[in-house]
Amino acid sequence: MTQPQEVDPKLLEILVCPLTKGPLEYDRENSELISHKAGLAYPIRDGIPIMLIDEARELAKD
């Protein structure tokens, strides 16, 4: 299993969801940024957040 990639904390402070402009939650274990409002998870690849809606994974509905 690969180690989760670390993301610059200062970058995490300024990033918002490109769809809702709402806050993101950093999921270190899955290397994703979660937008609960949009129901999307944006991947982090090689320590770089991929903030493209087309690249995001839809979160499972509860």
Protein backbone atom coordinates (compact mmCIF):
# COMPACT_ATOMS: atom_id res chain seq x y z
CA MET A 1 0.00 0.00 0.00
CA THR A 2 1.32 3.47 -0.86
CA GLN A 3 1.84 6.15 1.74
CA PRO A 4 -0.71 9.00 1.72
CA GLN A 5 0.69 12.13 0.11
CA GLU A 6 1.05 15.18 2.31
CA VAL A 7 -0.38 18.48 1.09
CA ASP A 8 0.91 21.91 2.08
CA PRO A 9 -1.32 23.08 4.98
CA LYS A 10 -1.26 26.67 3.65
CA LEU A 11 -2.67 25.39 0.34
CA LEU A 12 -5.45 23.54 2.17
CA GLU A 13 -6.44 26.78 3.90
CA ILE A 14 -7.14 28.59 0.62
CA LEU A 15 -8.65 25.81 -1.51
CA VAL A 16 -12.42 25.69 -1.97
CA CYS A 17 -14.70 23.45 -3.98
CA PRO A 18 -14.76 24.68 -7.59
CA LEU A 19 -18.45 23.79 -7.87
CA THR A 20 -19.89 25.27 -4.66
CA LYS A 21 -17.02 27.53 -3.53
CA GLY A 22 -17.55 25.87 -0.15
CA PRO A 23 -15.01 24.46 2.30
CA LEU A 24 -13.11 21.22 1.75
CA GLU A 25 -12.18 18.55 4.28
CA TYR A 26 -8.80 16.87 3.90
CA ASP A 27 -9.07 13.06 3.97
CA ARG A 28 -5.43 12.09 4.54
CA GLU A 29 -6.11 8.33 4.52
CA ASN A 30 -7.71 8.38 1.04
CA SER A 31 -5.66 11.31 -0.34
CA GLU A 32 -8.76 13.31 -1.21
CA LEU A 33 -10.36 16.66 -0.54
CA ILE A 34 -14.01 16.22 0.35
CA SER A 35 -16.77 18.70 -0.51
CA HIS A 36 -19.77 17.60 1.54
CA LYS A 37 -21.94 20.33 0.00
CA ALA A 38 -21.24 19.11 -3.56
CA GLY A 39 -21.04 15.44 -2.61
CA LEU A 40 -17.66 15.14 -4.34
CA ALA A 41 -14.17 13.95 -3.44
CA TYR A 42 -11.28 15.56 -5.33
CA PRO A 43 -8.20 13.35 -5.67
CA ILE A 44 -4.70 14.30 -4.54
CA ARG A 45 -2.01 12.93 -6.83
CA ASP A 46 1.69 13.24 -5.96
CA GLY A 47 0.78 15.82 -3.32
CA ILE A 48 -1.16 17.98 -5.82
CA PRO A 49 -4.92 18.46 -5.41
CA ILE A 50 -6.75 17.85 -8.71
CA MET A 51 -9.51 20.43 -8.50
CA LEU A 52 -11.39 19.44 -11.65
CA ILE A 53 -15.06 18.48 -11.34
CA ASP A 54 -14.61 15.85 -14.06
CA GLU A 55 -11.85 14.18 -11.99
CA ALA A 56 -13.86 14.16 -8.75
CA ARG A 57 -15.50 11.05 -7.34
CA GLU A 58 -19.13 11.19 -6.26
CA LEU A 59 -19.62 10.44 -2.59
CA ALA A 60 -22.03 7.66 -1.66
CA LYS A 61 -25.44 8.89 -0.60
CA ASP A 62 -26.39 8.05 2.98
